[in-house]
Amino acid sequence: MSKPVVDQASESESNLDNHSSVITEEQIDVLNRLLQPEIQQSLNVLIDNLPKLSEMVIVLIRTYDTAHLLITDDVLKKDTVGALKQFIDPLEENVKNLAANSVEAKDRAEANSSTIGLFGLLNMLKDPQAQKLFRFIQAFLDITNEKQK
């Protein structure tokens, strides 16, 4: 009932022939592309640099995993939002005060039609806020001159 070894070998060869004759157009196209010199050169470069590429991929995977962990961490999100609020709230308050003061100063300046004379200017120069402003302007101009040299 068992077939002789020679018959089994010839049957295996015919099966191989059947499998090898079923090469598709796509496989032939891939083989043709692999025979191109620039493709072979690129493959050689890839093979030569596989250890480096492997290290780079590992670093990228670790970076992705860390970033993914940080992005999905709810505690970190809440802490970050809290820290930003602590930083932004005082700035927001200062900006609102500055805007309110600017609007009020504009309204007062429009309502006041008096002229400011020489003695009025000299009197304004004694004001502490004006002195701060003049010191700031002087320091700013000094720094600008130093950087231009």
C-alpha atoms as a PDB file:
ATOM      1  CA  MET A   1       0.000   0.000   0.000  1.00  0.00           C
ATOM      2  CA  SER A   2       2.846   2.407   0.590  1.00  0.00           C
ATOM      3  CA  LYS A   3       4.396   3.967  -2.471  1.00  0.00           C
ATOM      4  CA  PRO A   4       8.017   3.430  -3.266  1.00  0.00           C
ATOM      5  CA  VAL A   5      10.423   6.214  -2.310  1.00  0.00           C
ATOM      6  CA  VAL A   6      11.153   7.058  -5.949  1.00  0.00           C
ATOM      7  CA  ASP A   7       7.465   7.664  -6.647  1.00  0.00           C
ATOM      8  CA  GLN A   8       7.158   9.899  -3.588  1.00  0.00           C
ATOM      9  CA  ALA A   9      10.190  11.958  -4.686  1.00  0.00           C
ATOM     10  CA  SER A  10       8.836  12.469  -8.201  1.00  0.00           C
ATOM     11  CA  GLU A  11       5.445  13.432  -6.748  1.00  0.00           C
ATOM     12  CA  SER A  12       7.127  16.036  -4.496  1.00  0.00           C
ATOM     13  CA  GLU A  13       8.982  17.456  -7.502  1.00  0.00           C
ATOM     14  CA  SER A  14       5.767  17.793  -9.459  1.00  0.00           C
ATOM     15  CA  ASN A  15       4.151  19.576  -6.493  1.00  0.00           C
ATOM     16  CA  LEU A  16       7.112  21.980  -6.388  1.00  0.00           C
ATOM     17  CA  ASP A  17       6.790  22.591 -10.105  1.00  0.00           C
ATOM     18  CA  ASN A  18       3.089  23.356  -9.666  1.00  0.00           C
ATOM     19  CA  HIS A  19       3.862  25.844  -6.863  1.00  0.00           C
ATOM     20  CA  SER A  20       6.698  27.499  -8.736  1.00  0.00           C
ATOM     21  CA  SER A  21       4.630  27.874 -11.885  1.00  0.00           C
ATOM     22  CA  VAL A  22       2.052  29.880  -9.945  1.00  0.00           C
ATOM     23  CA  ILE A  23       4.246  33.018  -9.755  1.00  0.00           C
ATOM     24  CA  THR A  24       2.075  36.072 -10.052  1.00  0.00           C
ATOM     25  CA  GLU A  25       2.707  39.253 -11.989  1.00  0.00           C
ATOM     26  CA  GLU A  26       3.189  41.057  -8.704  1.00  0.00           C
ATOM     27  CA  GLN A  27       5.974  38.688  -7.657  1.00  0.00           C
ATOM     28  CA  ILE A  28       7.681  39.092 -11.018  1.00  0.00           C
ATOM     29  CA  ASP A  29       7.419  42.872 -10.678  1.00  0.00           C
ATOM     30  CA  VAL A  30       8.987  42.731  -7.213  1.00  0.00           C
ATOM     31  CA  LEU A  31      11.820  40.526  -8.498  1.00  0.00           C
ATOM     32  CA  ASN A  32      12.450  42.914 -11.394  1.00  0.00           C
ATOM     33  CA  ARG A  33      12.597  45.844  -9.006  1.00  0.00           C
ATOM     34  CA  LEU A  34      15.016  43.978  -6.746  1.00  0.00           C
ATOM     35  CA  LEU A  35      17.340  43.500  -9.718  1.00  0.00           C
ATOM     36  CA  GLN A  36      17.664  47.265 -10.262  1.00  0.00           C
ATOM     37  CA  PRO A  37      21.101  48.545  -9.183  1.00  0.00           C
ATOM     38  CA  GLU A  38      19.792  51.518  -7.201  1.00  0.00           C
ATOM     39  CA  ILE A  39      17.447  49.248  -5.246  1.00  0.00           C
ATOM     40  CA  GLN A  40      20.286  46.854  -4.503  1.00  0.00           C
ATOM     41  CA  GLN A  41      22.475  49.755  -3.415  1.00  0.00           C
ATOM     42  CA  SER A  42      19.713  51.046  -1.119  1.00  0.00           C
ATOM     43  CA  LEU A  43      19.244  47.584   0.350  1.00  0.00           C
ATOM     44  CA  ASN A  44      22.985  47.328   1.017  1.00  0.00           C
ATOM     45  CA  VAL A  45      22.910  50.684   2.814  1.00  0.00           C
ATOM     46  CA  LEU A  46      19.936  49.532   4.875  1.00  0.00           C
ATOM     47  CA  ILE A  47      21.617  46.266   5.771  1.00  0.00           C
ATOM     48  CA  ASP A  48      24.845  48.044   6.709  1.00  0.00           C
ATOM     49  CA  ASN A  49      22.939  50.445   8.977  1.00  0.00           C
ATOM     50  CA  LEU A  50      20.536  47.982  10.567  1.00  0.00           C
ATOM     51  CA  PRO A  51      22.132  48.271  14.045  1.00  0.00           C
ATOM     52  CA  LYS A  52      21.782  52.068  13.979  1.00  0.00           C
ATOM     53  CA  LEU A  53      18.259  51.849  12.614  1.00  0.00           C
ATOM     54  CA  SER A  54      17.384  49.379  15.321  1.00  0.00           C
ATOM     55  CA  GLU A  55      18.660  51.757  18.008  1.00  0.00           C
ATOM     56  CA  MET A  56      16.745  54.649  16.442  1.00  0.00           C
ATOM     57  CA  VAL A  57      13.532  52.637  16.337  1.00  0.00           C
ATOM     58  CA  ILE A  58      13.979  51.662  19.995  1.00  0.00           C
ATOM     59  CA  VAL A  59      14.470  55.339  20.942  1.00  0.00           C
ATOM     60  CA  LEU A  60      11.420  56.341  18.904  1.00  0.00           C
ATOM     61  CA  ILE A  61       9.319  53.628  20.522  1.00  0.00           C
ATOM     62  CA  ARG A  62      10.411  54.712  24.000  1.00  0.00           C
ATOM     63  CA  THR A  63       9.715  58.352  23.156  1.00  0.00           C
ATOM     64  CA  TYR A  64       6.290  57.447  21.818  1.00  0.00           C
ATOM     65  CA  ASP A  65       5.505  55.349  24.879  1.00  0.00           C
ATOM     66  CA  THR A  66       6.589  58.158  27.224  1.00  0.00           C
ATOM     67  CA  ALA A  67       4.641  60.791  25.284  1.00  0.00           C
ATOM     68  CA  HIS A  68       1.583  58.552  25.182  1.00  0.00           C
ATOM     69  CA  LEU A  69       1.849  57.951  28.923  1.00  0.00           C
ATOM     70  CA  LEU A  70       2.137  61.681  29.626  1.00  0.00           C
ATOM     71  CA  ILE A  71      -0.720  62.592  27.314  1.00  0.00           C
ATOM     72  CA  THR A  72      -3.078  60.026  28.802  1.00  0.00           C
ATOM     73  CA  ASP A  73      -2.146  60.729  32.441  1.00  0.00           C
ATOM     74  CA  ASP A  74      -5.128  62.570  33.975  1.00  0.00           C
ATOM     75  CA  VAL A  75      -3.205  63.591  37.096  1.00  0.00           C
ATOM     76  CA  LEU A  76      -0.491  65.219  35.000  1.00  0.00           C
ATOM     77  CA  LYS A  77      -3.110  67.016  32.919  1.00  0.00           C
ATOM     78  CA  LYS A  78      -4.778  68.410  36.041  1.00  0.00           C
ATOM     79  CA  ASP A  79      -1.429  69.447  37.535  1.00  0.00           C
ATOM     80  CA  THR A  80      -0.404  71.163  34.295  1.00  0.00           C
ATOM     81  CA  VAL A  81      -3.692  73.028  34.031  1.00  0.00           C
ATOM     82  CA  GLY A  82      -3.383  74.060  37.693  1.00  0.00           C
ATOM     83  CA  ALA A  83       0.168  75.336  37.190  1.00  0.00           C
ATOM     84  CA  LEU A  84      -0.854  77.274  34.092  1.00  0.00           C
ATOM     85  CA  LYS A  85      -3.772  78.821  35.947  1.00  0.00           C
ATOM     86  CA  GLN A  86      -1.469  79.913  38.768  1.00  0.00           C
ATOM     87  CA  PHE A  87       0.763  81.565  36.209  1.00  0.00           C
ATOM     88  CA  ILE A  88      -1.975  83.071  34.018  1.00  0.00           C
ATOM     89  CA  ASP A  89      -4.398  84.339  36.695  1.00  0.00           C
ATOM     90  CA  PRO A  90      -2.060  87.071  38.031  1.00  0.00           C
ATOM     91  CA  LEU A  91      -1.185  88.091  34.477  1.00  0.00           C
ATOM     92  CA  GLU A  92      -4.832  88.247  33.563  1.00  0.00           C
ATOM     93  CA  GLU A  93      -5.545  90.418  36.593  1.00  0.00           C
ATOM     94  CA  ASN A  94      -2.658  92.763  35.717  1.00  0.00           C
ATOM     95  CA  VAL A  95      -3.813  93.075  32.114  1.00  0.00           C
ATOM     96  CA  LYS A  96      -7.367  93.829  33.240  1.00  0.00           C
ATOM     97  CA  ASN A  97      -6.090  96.507  35.657  1.00  0.00           C
ATOM     98  CA  LEU A  98      -3.915  98.025  32.939  1.00  0.00           C
ATOM     99  CA  ALA A  99      -6.824  98.105  30.502  1.00  0.00           C
ATOM    100  CA  ALA A 100      -9.159  99.641  33.101  1.00  0.00           C
ATOM    101  CA  ASN A 101      -6.567 102.270  34.047  1.00  0.00           C
ATOM    102  CA  SER A 102      -5.989 103.100  30.381  1.00  0.00           C
ATOM    103  CA  VAL A 103      -9.698 103.554  29.713  1.00  0.00           C
ATOM    104  CA  GLU A 104     -10.135 105.702  32.834  1.00  0.00           C
ATOM    105  CA  ALA A 105      -7.075 107.824  31.955  1.00  0.00           C
ATOM    106  CA  LYS A 106      -8.394 108.321  28.428  1.00  0.00           C
ATOM    107  CA  ASP A 107     -11.782 109.401  29.763  1.00  0.00           C
ATOM    108  CA  ARG A 108     -10.194 111.840  32.229  1.00  0.00           C
ATOM    109  CA  ALA A 109      -7.883 113.280  29.603  1.00  0.00           C
ATOM    110  CA  GLU A 110     -10.811 113.858  27.231  1.00  0.00           C
ATOM    111  CA  ALA A 111     -12.894 115.456  29.984  1.00  0.00           C
ATOM    112  CA  ASN A 112     -10.078 117.834  31.011  1.00  0.00           C
ATOM    113  CA  SER A 113      -9.592 120.634  28.517  1.00  0.00           C
ATOM    114  CA  SER A 114      -7.100 122.699  30.519  1.00  0.00           C
ATOM    115  CA  THR A 115      -3.690 123.442  29.094  1.00  0.00           C
ATOM    116  CA  ILE A 116      -0.519 122.319  30.795  1.00  0.00           C
ATOM    117  CA  GLY A 117       2.067 125.051  30.975  1.00  0.00           C
ATOM    118  CA  LEU A 118       5.760 125.050  31.784  1.00  0.00           C
ATOM    119  CA  PHE A 119       5.187 125.127  35.537  1.00  0.00           C
ATOM    120  CA  GLY A 120       2.606 122.346  35.210  1.00  0.00           C
ATOM    121  CA  LEU A 121       5.189 120.215  33.390  1.00  0.00           C
ATOM    122  CA  LEU A 122       7.816 120.945  36.047  1.00  0.00           C
ATOM    123  CA  ASN A 123       5.305 119.997  38.723  1.00  0.00           C
ATOM    124  CA  MET A 124       4.511 116.729  36.877  1.00  0.00           C
ATOM    125  CA  LEU A 125       8.230 115.905  36.715  1.00  0.00           C
ATOM    126  CA  LYS A 126       8.259 115.663  40.519  1.00  0.00           C
ATOM    127  CA  ASP A 127       5.627 112.919  40.480  1.00  0.00           C
ATOM    128  CA  PRO A 128       7.121 109.542  41.628  1.00  0.00           C
ATOM    129  CA  GLN A 129       5.407 107.621  38.810  1.00  0.00           C
ATOM    130  CA  ALA A 130       6.812 110.046  36.241  1.00  0.00           C
ATOM    131  CA  GLN A 131      10.270 109.622  37.786  1.00  0.00           C
ATOM    132  CA  LYS A 132       9.954 105.817  37.480  1.00  0.00           C
ATOM    133  CA  LEU A 133       8.943 106.215  33.860  1.00  0.00           C
ATOM    134  CA  PHE A 134      11.879 108.521  33.083  1.00  0.00           C
ATOM    135  CA  ARG A 135      14.353 106.151  34.796  1.00  0.00           C
ATOM    136  CA  PHE A 136      12.947 103.259  32.760  1.00  0.00           C
ATOM    137  CA  ILE A 137      13.215 105.227  29.523  1.00  0.00           C
ATOM    138  CA  GLN A 138      16.796 106.238  30.351  1.00  0.00           C
ATOM    139  CA  ALA A 139      17.809 102.629  31.145  1.00  0.00           C
ATOM    140  CA  PHE A 140      16.112 101.376  27.983  1.00  0.00           C
ATOM    141  CA  LEU A 141      17.914 103.924  25.829  1.00  0.00           C
ATOM    142  CA  ASP A 142      21.263 103.103  27.494  1.00  0.00           C
ATOM    143  CA  ILE A 143      20.817  99.386  26.808  1.00  0.00           C
ATOM    144  CA  THR A 144      19.784 100.069  23.215  1.00  0.00           C
ATOM    145  CA  ASN A 145      22.868 102.220  22.653  1.00  0.00           C
ATOM    146  CA  GLU A 146      25.163  99.571  24.185  1.00  0.00           C
ATOM    147  CA  LYS A 147      23.747  96.849  21.947  1.00  0.00           C
ATOM    148  CA  GLN A 148      24.115  98.976  18.837  1.00  0.00           C
ATOM    149  CA  LYS A 149      27.857  99.451  19.445  1.00  0.00           C
END
